[in-house]
Amino acid sequence: PVITTLLENTFEGVITWARISAGVYEGTITTTEFTNLKTGLIITPIGVDLNCASSSPTSSTVRIQTWVPSSVSFADGQLNETFYEIRVYP
């Protein structure tokens, strides 16, 4: 996903996003701040019919997967004008 507006960053590290494959994006942070089972992504699509899932496979990565509901495969271009927030709970 392309970040056009960063509202706030309370992490010590910087997150860099990369496209892994169609509809699969991974954010890698320069530190190890994503605690297993305590990291959550809140994704709010605006004006699109979107299915998505998120996870934190390691302490330095988060992953977002998107697909069109009528499709059985992942799809790019589904996060336009989408608000998402990454939270790590103590």
PDB file of N, CA and C in Angstrom:
ATOM      1  N   PRO A   1       0.832  -1.201   0.000  1.00  0.00           N
ATOM      2  CA  PRO A   1       0.000   0.000   0.000  1.00  0.00           C
ATOM      3  C   PRO A   1       0.871   1.258   0.000  1.00  0.00           C
ATOM      4  N   VAL A   2       0.409   2.260  -0.679  1.00  0.00           N
ATOM      5  CA  VAL A   2       1.114   3.537  -0.712  1.00  0.00           C
ATOM      6  C   VAL A   2       0.536   4.417   0.381  1.00  0.00           C
ATOM      7  N   ILE A   3       1.397   4.942   1.234  1.00  0.00           N
ATOM      8  CA  ILE A   3       0.938   5.813   2.321  1.00  0.00           C
ATOM      9  C   ILE A   3       0.994   7.250   1.817  1.00  0.00           C
ATOM     10  N   THR A   4      -0.168   7.865   1.685  1.00  0.00           N
ATOM     11  CA  THR A   4      -0.194   9.237   1.204  1.00  0.00           C
ATOM     12  C   THR A   4      -0.257  10.236   2.351  1.00  0.00           C
ATOM     13  N   THR A   5      -0.827   9.824   3.478  1.00  0.00           N
ATOM     14  CA  THR A   5      -0.906  10.693   4.647  1.00  0.00           C
ATOM     15  C   THR A   5      -0.590   9.872   5.883  1.00  0.00           C
ATOM     16  N   LEU A   6       0.470  10.227   6.573  1.00  0.00           N
ATOM     17  CA  LEU A   6       0.817   9.574   7.827  1.00  0.00           C
ATOM     18  C   LEU A   6       0.339  10.482   8.947  1.00  0.00           C
ATOM     19  N   LEU A   7      -0.680  10.027   9.686  1.00  0.00           N
ATOM     20  CA  LEU A   7      -1.276  10.872  10.719  1.00  0.00           C
ATOM     21  C   LEU A   7      -0.413  10.932  11.973  1.00  0.00           C
ATOM     22  N   GLU A   8       0.167   9.790  12.363  1.00  0.00           N
ATOM     23  CA  GLU A   8       0.987   9.754  13.570  1.00  0.00           C
ATOM     24  C   GLU A   8       1.822   8.482  13.549  1.00  0.00           C
ATOM     25  N   ASN A   9       3.055   8.587  14.038  1.00  0.00           N
ATOM     26  CA  ASN A   9       3.911   7.415  14.179  1.00  0.00           C
ATOM     27  C   ASN A   9       4.491   7.431  15.589  1.00  0.00           C
ATOM     28  N   THR A  10       4.062   6.479  16.423  1.00  0.00           N
ATOM     29  CA  THR A  10       4.572   6.401  17.786  1.00  0.00           C
ATOM     30  C   THR A  10       5.587   5.277  17.946  1.00  0.00           C
ATOM     31  N   PHE A  11       5.941   4.615  16.841  1.00  0.00           N
ATOM     32  CA  PHE A  11       6.960   3.567  16.885  1.00  0.00           C
ATOM     33  C   PHE A  11       8.347   4.191  16.859  1.00  0.00           C
ATOM     34  N   GLU A  12       9.301   3.494  17.417  1.00  0.00           N
ATOM     35  CA  GLU A  12      10.684   3.963  17.356  1.00  0.00           C
ATOM     36  C   GLU A  12      11.245   3.788  15.952  1.00  0.00           C
ATOM     37  N   GLY A  13      10.843   2.729  15.265  1.00  0.00           N
ATOM     38  CA  GLY A  13      11.353   2.437  13.930  1.00  0.00           C
ATOM     39  C   GLY A  13      10.474   3.000  12.837  1.00  0.00           C
ATOM     40  N   VAL A  14      10.948   2.838  11.619  1.00  0.00           N
ATOM     41  CA  VAL A  14      10.228   3.283  10.427  1.00  0.00           C
ATOM     42  C   VAL A  14       9.716   2.042   9.699  1.00  0.00           C
ATOM     43  N   ILE A  15       8.462   2.084   9.248  1.00  0.00           N
ATOM     44  CA  ILE A  15       7.867   0.957   8.531  1.00  0.00           C
ATOM     45  C   ILE A  15       8.014   1.182   7.026  1.00  0.00           C
ATOM     46  N   THR A  16       8.537   0.182   6.346  1.00  0.00           N
ATOM     47  CA  THR A  16       8.656   0.197   4.893  1.00  0.00           C
ATOM     48  C   THR A  16       7.742  -0.881   4.337  1.00  0.00           C
ATOM     49  N   TRP A  17       6.898  -0.518   3.373  1.00  0.00           N
ATOM     50  CA  TRP A  17       5.928  -1.452   2.800  1.00  0.00           C
ATOM     51  C   TRP A  17       6.443  -2.034   1.498  1.00  0.00           C
ATOM     52  N   ALA A  18       6.141  -3.314   1.269  1.00  0.00           N
ATOM     53  CA  ALA A  18       6.513  -3.989   0.026  1.00  0.00           C
ATOM     54  C   ALA A  18       5.367  -4.891  -0.415  1.00  0.00           C
ATOM     55  N   ARG A  19       5.217  -5.007  -1.719  1.00  0.00           N
ATOM     56  CA  ARG A  19       4.235  -5.929  -2.288  1.00  0.00           C
ATOM     57  C   ARG A  19       4.909  -7.290  -2.404  1.00  0.00           C
ATOM     58  N   ILE A  20       4.326  -8.304  -1.747  1.00  0.00           N
ATOM     59  CA  ILE A  20       4.867  -9.661  -1.780  1.00  0.00           C
ATOM     60  C   ILE A  20       4.350 -10.395  -3.013  1.00  0.00           C
ATOM     61  N   SER A  21       3.062 -10.270  -3.267  1.00  0.00           N
ATOM     62  CA  SER A  21       2.407 -10.845  -4.444  1.00  0.00           C
ATOM     63  C   SER A  21       1.070 -10.125  -4.589  1.00  0.00           C
ATOM     64  N   ALA A  22       0.276 -10.519  -5.554  1.00  0.00           N
ATOM     65  CA  ALA A  22      -1.017  -9.859  -5.770  1.00  0.00           C
ATOM     66  C   ALA A  22      -1.826  -9.838  -4.474  1.00  0.00           C
ATOM     67  N   GLY A  23      -2.170  -8.640  -4.001  1.00  0.00           N
ATOM     68  CA  GLY A  23      -3.002  -8.488  -2.816  1.00  0.00           C
ATOM     69  C   GLY A  23      -2.333  -8.785  -1.488  1.00  0.00           C
ATOM     70  N   VAL A  24      -1.035  -9.033  -1.483  1.00  0.00           N
ATOM     71  CA  VAL A  24      -0.316  -9.351  -0.244  1.00  0.00           C
ATOM     72  C   VAL A  24       0.798  -8.324  -0.053  1.00  0.00           C
ATOM     73  N   TYR A  25       0.720  -7.593   1.073  1.00  0.00           N
ATOM     74  CA  TYR A  25       1.661  -6.512   1.356  1.00  0.00           C
ATOM     75  C   TYR A  25       2.275  -6.730   2.727  1.00  0.00           C
ATOM     76  N   GLU A  26       3.560  -6.456   2.840  1.00  0.00           N
ATOM     77  CA  GLU A  26       4.242  -6.651   4.118  1.00  0.00           C
ATOM     78  C   GLU A  26       4.943  -5.364   4.529  1.00  0.00           C
ATOM     79  N   GLY A  27       4.705  -4.964   5.775  1.00  0.00           N
ATOM     80  CA  GLY A  27       5.374  -3.812   6.349  1.00  0.00           C
ATOM     81  C   GLY A  27       6.485  -4.297   7.260  1.00  0.00           C
ATOM     82  N   THR A  28       7.686  -3.807   7.026  1.00  0.00           N
ATOM     83  CA  THR A  28       8.835  -4.194   7.850  1.00  0.00           C
ATOM     84  C   THR A  28       9.321  -2.975   8.612  1.00  0.00           C
ATOM     85  N   ILE A  29       9.463  -3.127   9.919  1.00  0.00           N
ATOM     86  CA  ILE A  29       9.916  -2.026  10.764  1.00  0.00           C
ATOM     87  C   ILE A  29      11.393  -2.235  11.088  1.00  0.00           C
ATOM     88  N   THR A  30      12.107  -1.142  11.266  1.00  0.00           N
ATOM     89  CA  THR A  30      13.552  -1.215  11.500  1.00  0.00           C
ATOM     90  C   THR A  30      13.897  -1.667  12.920  1.00  0.00           C
ATOM     91  N   THR A  31      12.898  -1.851  13.761  1.00  0.00           N
ATOM     92  CA  THR A  31      13.110  -2.344  15.127  1.00  0.00           C
ATOM     93  C   THR A  31      12.259  -3.598  15.319  1.00  0.00           C
ATOM     94  N   THR A  32      12.216  -4.142  16.515  1.00  0.00           N
ATOM     95  CA  THR A  32      11.385  -5.329  16.787  1.00  0.00           C
ATOM     96  C   THR A  32      10.280  -4.938  17.752  1.00  0.00           C
ATOM     97  N   GLU A  33       9.284  -4.237  17.234  1.00  0.00           N
ATOM     98  CA  GLU A  33       8.225  -3.680  18.087  1.00  0.00           C
ATOM     99  C   GLU A  33       6.899  -4.407  17.980  1.00  0.00           C
ATOM    100  N   PHE A  34       6.741  -5.331  17.048  1.00  0.00           N
ATOM    101  CA  PHE A  34       5.468  -6.009  16.852  1.00  0.00           C
ATOM    102  C   PHE A  34       5.429  -7.279  17.694  1.00  0.00           C
ATOM    103  N   THR A  35       4.886  -7.172  18.888  1.00  0.00           N
ATOM    104  CA  THR A  35       4.828  -8.282  19.835  1.00  0.00           C
ATOM    105  C   THR A  35       3.795  -9.310  19.399  1.00  0.00           C
ATOM    106  N   ASN A  36       4.184 -10.573  19.389  1.00  0.00           N
ATOM    107  CA  ASN A  36       3.287 -11.662  19.008  1.00  0.00           C
ATOM    108  C   ASN A  36       2.044 -11.662  19.902  1.00  0.00           C
ATOM    109  N   LEU A  37       0.888 -11.777  19.298  1.00  0.00           N
ATOM    110  CA  LEU A  37      -0.419 -11.821  19.948  1.00  0.00           C
ATOM    111  C   LEU A  37      -0.802 -10.510  20.642  1.00  0.00           C
ATOM    112  N   LYS A  38      -0.019  -9.448  20.457  1.00  0.00           N
ATOM    113  CA  LYS A  38      -0.354  -8.146  21.028  1.00  0.00           C
ATOM    114  C   LYS A  38      -0.351  -7.046  19.976  1.00  0.00           C
ATOM    115  N   THR A  39      -0.177  -7.422  18.711  1.00  0.00           N
ATOM    116  CA  THR A  39      -0.143  -6.457  17.618  1.00  0.00           C
ATOM    117  C   THR A  39      -1.415  -6.618  16.797  1.00  0.00           C
ATOM    118  N   GLY A  40      -2.084  -5.511  16.562  1.00  0.00           N
ATOM    119  CA  GLY A  40      -3.313  -5.555  15.775  1.00  0.00           C
ATOM    120  C   GLY A  40      -3.320  -4.501  14.689  1.00  0.00           C
ATOM    121  N   LEU A  41      -3.932  -4.829  13.578  1.00  0.00           N
ATOM    122  CA  LEU A  41      -4.134  -3.879  12.492  1.00  0.00           C
ATOM    123  C   LEU A  41      -5.619  -3.605  12.381  1.00  0.00           C
ATOM    124  N   ILE A  42      -5.977  -2.348  12.380  1.00  0.00           N
ATOM    125  CA  ILE A  42      -7.358  -1.927  12.218  1.00  0.00           C
ATOM    126  C   ILE A  42      -7.457  -1.355  10.809  1.00  0.00           C
ATOM    127  N   ILE A  43      -8.273  -1.974   9.970  1.00  0.00           N
ATOM    128  CA  ILE A  43      -8.377  -1.570   8.569  1.00  0.00           C
ATOM    129  C   ILE A  43      -9.809  -1.137   8.300  1.00  0.00           C
ATOM    130  N   THR A  44      -9.967   0.096   7.799  1.00  0.00           N
ATOM    131  CA  THR A  44     -11.287   0.651   7.524  1.00  0.00           C
ATOM    132  C   THR A  44     -11.364   1.061   6.064  1.00  0.00           C
ATOM    133  N   PRO A  45     -11.933   0.209   5.212  1.00  0.00           N
ATOM    134  CA  PRO A  45     -12.070   0.583   3.806  1.00  0.00           C
ATOM    135  C   PRO A  45     -13.119   1.674   3.632  1.00  0.00           C
ATOM    136  N   ILE A  46     -12.859   2.570   2.694  1.00  0.00           N
ATOM    137  CA  ILE A  46     -13.771   3.680   2.441  1.00  0.00           C
ATOM    138  C   ILE A  46     -14.337   3.530   1.038  1.00  0.00           C
ATOM    139  N   GLY A  47     -15.623   3.256   0.927  1.00  0.00           N
ATOM    140  CA  GLY A  47     -16.302   3.243  -0.348  1.00  0.00           C
ATOM    141  C   GLY A  47     -15.959   2.083  -1.263  1.00  0.00           C
ATOM    142  N   VAL A  48     -15.408   1.002  -0.731  1.00  0.00           N
ATOM    143  CA  VAL A  48     -15.118  -0.156  -1.578  1.00  0.00           C
ATOM    144  C   VAL A  48     -15.652  -1.409  -0.916  1.00  0.00           C
ATOM    145  N   ASP A  49     -15.936  -2.393  -1.717  1.00  0.00           N
ATOM    146  CA  ASP A  49     -16.348  -3.695  -1.216  1.00  0.00           C
ATOM    147  C   ASP A  49     -15.075  -4.520  -1.078  1.00  0.00           C
ATOM    148  N   LEU A  50     -14.568  -4.637   0.127  1.00  0.00           N
ATOM    149  CA  LEU A  50     -13.234  -5.179   0.348  1.00  0.00           C
ATOM    150  C   LEU A  50     -13.246  -6.233   1.442  1.00  0.00           C
ATOM    151  N   ASN A  51     -12.535  -7.298   1.207  1.00  0.00           N
ATOM    152  CA  ASN A  51     -12.236  -8.264   2.255  1.00  0.00           C
ATOM    153  C   ASN A  51     -10.743  -8.203   2.490  1.00  0.00           C
ATOM    154  N   CYS A  52     -10.343  -8.191   3.740  1.00  0.00           N
ATOM    155  CA  CYS A  52      -8.922  -8.142   4.036  1.00  0.00           C
ATOM    156  C   CYS A  52      -8.644  -8.862   5.341  1.00  0.00           C
ATOM    157  N   ALA A  53      -7.392  -9.246   5.496  1.00  0.00           N
ATOM    158  CA  ALA A  53      -6.931  -9.897   6.712  1.00  0.00           C
ATOM    159  C   ALA A  53      -5.570  -9.322   7.042  1.00  0.00           C
ATOM    160  N   SER A  54      -5.218  -9.369   8.310  1.00  0.00           N
ATOM    161  CA  SER A  54      -3.912  -8.866   8.709  1.00  0.00           C
ATOM    162  C   SER A  54      -3.291  -9.816   9.714  1.00  0.00           C
ATOM    163  N   SER A  55      -1.982  -9.768   9.788  1.00  0.00           N
ATOM    164  CA  SER A  55      -1.269 -10.602  10.750  1.00  0.00           C
ATOM    165  C   SER A  55       0.086  -9.992  11.035  1.00  0.00           C
ATOM    166  N   SER A  56       0.752 -10.515  12.050  1.00  0.00           N
ATOM    167  CA  SER A  56       2.102 -10.093  12.396  1.00  0.00           C
ATOM    168  C   SER A  56       2.968 -11.344  12.488  1.00  0.00           C
ATOM    169  N   PRO A  57       3.526 -11.787  11.336  1.00  0.00           N
ATOM    170  CA  PRO A  57       4.267 -13.042  11.329  1.00  0.00           C
ATOM    171  C   PRO A  57       5.567 -13.021  12.121  1.00  0.00           C
ATOM    172  N   THR A  58       6.179 -11.847  12.285  1.00  0.00           N
ATOM    173  CA  THR A  58       7.414 -11.755  13.084  1.00  0.00           C
ATOM    174  C   THR A  58       7.365 -10.484  13.916  1.00  0.00           C
ATOM    175  N   SER A  59       8.356 -10.290  14.771  1.00  0.00           N
ATOM    176  CA  SER A  59       8.390  -9.101  15.615  1.00  0.00           C
ATOM    177  C   SER A  59       8.783  -7.845  14.844  1.00  0.00           C
ATOM    178  N   SER A  60       9.125  -7.993  13.563  1.00  0.00           N
ATOM    179  CA  SER A  60       9.478  -6.813  12.771  1.00  0.00           C
ATOM    180  C   SER A  60       8.664  -6.704  11.474  1.00  0.00           C
ATOM    181  N   THR A  61       7.613  -7.533  11.321  1.00  0.00           N
ATOM    182  CA  THR A  61       6.789  -7.439  10.112  1.00  0.00           C
ATOM    183  C   THR A  61       5.304  -7.538  10.435  1.00  0.00           C
ATOM    184  N   VAL A  62       4.511  -6.865   9.616  1.00  0.00           N
ATOM    185  CA  VAL A  62       3.059  -7.019   9.612  1.00  0.00           C
ATOM    186  C   VAL A  62       2.652  -7.292   8.172  1.00  0.00           C
ATOM    187  N   ARG A  63       1.550  -7.992   7.996  1.00  0.00           N
ATOM    188  CA  ARG A  63       1.118  -8.368   6.648  1.00  0.00           C
ATOM    189  C   ARG A  63      -0.361  -8.039   6.472  1.00  0.00           C
ATOM    190  N   ILE A  64      -0.698  -7.495   5.302  1.00  0.00           N
ATOM    191  CA  ILE A  64      -2.079  -7.217   4.924  1.00  0.00           C
ATOM    192  C   ILE A  64      -2.359  -7.985   3.640  1.00  0.00           C
ATOM    193  N   GLN A  65      -3.511  -8.680   3.610  1.00  0.00           N
ATOM    194  CA  GLN A  65      -3.930  -9.412   2.425  1.00  0.00           C
ATOM    195  C   GLN A  65      -5.308  -8.900   2.021  1.00  0.00           C
ATOM    196  N   THR A  66      -5.494  -8.638   0.728  1.00  0.00           N
ATOM    197  CA  THR A  66      -6.769  -8.109   0.241  1.00  0.00           C
ATOM    198  C   THR A  66      -7.286  -8.929  -0.937  1.00  0.00           C
ATOM    199  N   TRP A  67      -8.609  -9.029  -1.000  1.00  0.00           N
ATOM    200  CA  TRP A  67      -9.248  -9.713  -2.120  1.00  0.00           C
ATOM    201  C   TRP A  67     -10.647  -9.157  -2.314  1.00  0.00           C
ATOM    202  N   VAL A  68     -11.136  -9.266  -3.527  1.00  0.00           N
ATOM    203  CA  VAL A  68     -12.494  -8.840  -3.851  1.00  0.00           C
ATOM    204  C   VAL A  68     -13.435  -9.952  -3.406  1.00  0.00           C
ATOM    205  N   PRO A  69     -14.548  -9.629  -2.729  1.00  0.00           N
ATOM    206  CA  PRO A  69     -15.439 -10.667  -2.200  1.00  0.00           C
ATOM    207  C   PRO A  69     -15.912 -11.686  -3.234  1.00  0.00           C
ATOM    208  N   SER A  70     -16.122 -11.260  -4.471  1.00  0.00           N
ATOM    209  CA  SER A  70     -16.599 -12.195  -5.493  1.00  0.00           C
ATOM    210  C   SER A  70     -15.468 -13.030  -6.096  1.00  0.00           C
ATOM    211  N   SER A  71     -14.242 -12.748  -5.691  1.00  0.00           N
ATOM    212  CA  SER A  71     -13.076 -13.438  -6.253  1.00  0.00           C
ATOM    213  C   SER A  71     -12.565 -14.502  -5.285  1.00  0.00           C
ATOM    214  N   VAL A  72     -11.893 -15.475  -5.825  1.00  0.00           N
ATOM    215  CA  VAL A  72     -11.293 -16.508  -4.970  1.00  0.00           C
ATOM    216  C   VAL A  72      -9.780 -16.329  -4.880  1.00  0.00           C
ATOM    217  N   SER A  73      -9.271 -15.187  -5.368  1.00  0.00           N
ATOM    218  CA  SER A  73      -7.839 -14.948  -5.308  1.00  0.00           C
ATOM    219  C   SER A  73      -7.566 -13.537  -4.795  1.00  0.00           C
ATOM    220  N   PHE A  74      -6.355 -13.330  -4.299  1.00  0.00           N
ATOM    221  CA  PHE A  74      -5.957 -12.021  -3.798  1.00  0.00           C
ATOM    222  C   PHE A  74      -5.938 -11.012  -4.943  1.00  0.00           C
ATOM    223  N   ALA A  75      -6.169  -9.729  -4.618  1.00  0.00           N
ATOM    224  CA  ALA A  75      -6.245  -8.694  -5.644  1.00  0.00           C
ATOM    225  C   ALA A  75      -5.552  -7.419  -5.189  1.00  0.00           C
ATOM    226  N   ASP A  76      -4.812  -6.803  -6.110  1.00  0.00           N
ATOM    227  CA  ASP A  76      -4.180  -5.502  -5.863  1.00  0.00           C
ATOM    228  C   ASP A  76      -5.205  -4.386  -6.011  1.00  0.00           C
ATOM    229  N   GLY A  77      -4.822  -3.195  -5.594  1.00  0.00           N
ATOM    230  CA  GLY A  77      -5.638  -2.009  -5.813  1.00  0.00           C
ATOM    231  C   GLY A  77      -6.874  -1.900  -4.943  1.00  0.00           C
ATOM    232  N   GLN A  78      -6.929  -2.632  -3.850  1.00  0.00           N
ATOM    233  CA  GLN A  78      -8.118  -2.636  -3.001  1.00  0.00           C
ATOM    234  C   GLN A  78      -8.003  -1.698  -1.801  1.00  0.00           C
ATOM    235  N   LEU A  79      -6.840  -1.119  -1.578  1.00  0.00           N
ATOM    236  CA  LEU A  79      -6.641  -0.283  -0.395  1.00  0.00           C
ATOM    237  C   LEU A  79      -6.681   1.213  -0.683  1.00  0.00           C
ATOM    238  N   ASN A  80      -7.141   1.600  -1.882  1.00  0.00           N
ATOM    239  CA  ASN A  80      -7.237   3.021  -2.202  1.00  0.00           C
ATOM    240  C   ASN A  80      -8.145   3.714  -1.202  1.00  0.00           C
ATOM    241  N   GLU A  81      -7.680   4.831  -0.677  1.00  0.00           N
ATOM    242  CA  GLU A  81      -8.438   5.631   0.287  1.00  0.00           C
ATOM    243  C   GLU A  81      -8.876   4.813   1.497  1.00  0.00           C
ATOM    244  N   THR A  82      -8.016   3.917   1.944  1.00  0.00           N
ATOM    245  CA  THR A  82      -8.327   3.068   3.090  1.00  0.00           C
ATOM    246  C   THR A  82      -7.513   3.518   4.296  1.00  0.00           C
ATOM    247  N   PHE A  83      -8.179   3.628   5.431  1.00  0.00           N
ATOM    248  CA  PHE A  83      -7.528   3.988   6.685  1.00  0.00           C
ATOM    249  C   PHE A  83      -7.077   2.709   7.366  1.00  0.00           C
ATOM    250  N   TYR A  84      -5.820   2.662   7.779  1.00  0.00           N
ATOM    251  CA  TYR A  84      -5.395   1.535   8.601  1.00  0.00           C
ATOM    252  C   TYR A  84      -4.459   2.002   9.702  1.00  0.00           C
ATOM    253  N   GLU A  85      -4.546   1.311  10.815  1.00  0.00           N
ATOM    254  CA  GLU A  85      -3.803   1.661  12.014  1.00  0.00           C
ATOM    255  C   GLU A  85      -3.172   0.398  12.583  1.00  0.00           C
ATOM    256  N   ILE A  86      -1.932   0.533  13.012  1.00  0.00           N
ATOM    257  CA  ILE A  86      -1.226  -0.589  13.645  1.00  0.00           C
ATOM    258  C   ILE A  86      -1.094  -0.257  15.123  1.00  0.00           C
ATOM    259  N   ARG A  87      -1.573  -1.161  15.962  1.00  0.00           N
ATOM    260  CA  ARG A  87      -1.473  -0.970  17.416  1.00  0.00           C
ATOM    261  C   ARG A  87      -0.733  -2.135  18.046  1.00  0.00           C
ATOM    262  N   VAL A  88       0.120  -1.809  19.006  1.00  0.00           N
ATOM    263  CA  VAL A  88       0.802  -2.827  19.802  1.00  0.00           C
ATOM    264  C   VAL A  88       0.418  -2.566  21.262  1.00  0.00           C
ATOM    265  N   TYR A  89      -0.187  -3.568  21.877  1.00  0.00           N
ATOM    266  CA  TYR A  89      -0.661  -3.435  23.257  1.00  0.00           C
ATOM    267  C   TYR A  89       0.407  -3.948  24.217  1.00  0.00           C
ATOM    268  N   PRO A  90       0.479  -3.342  25.403  1.00  0.00           N
ATOM    269  CA  PRO A  90       1.496  -3.776  26.389  1.00  0.00           C
ATOM    270  C   PRO A  90       1.211  -5.164  26.954  1.00  0.00           C
TER     271      PRO A  90
END
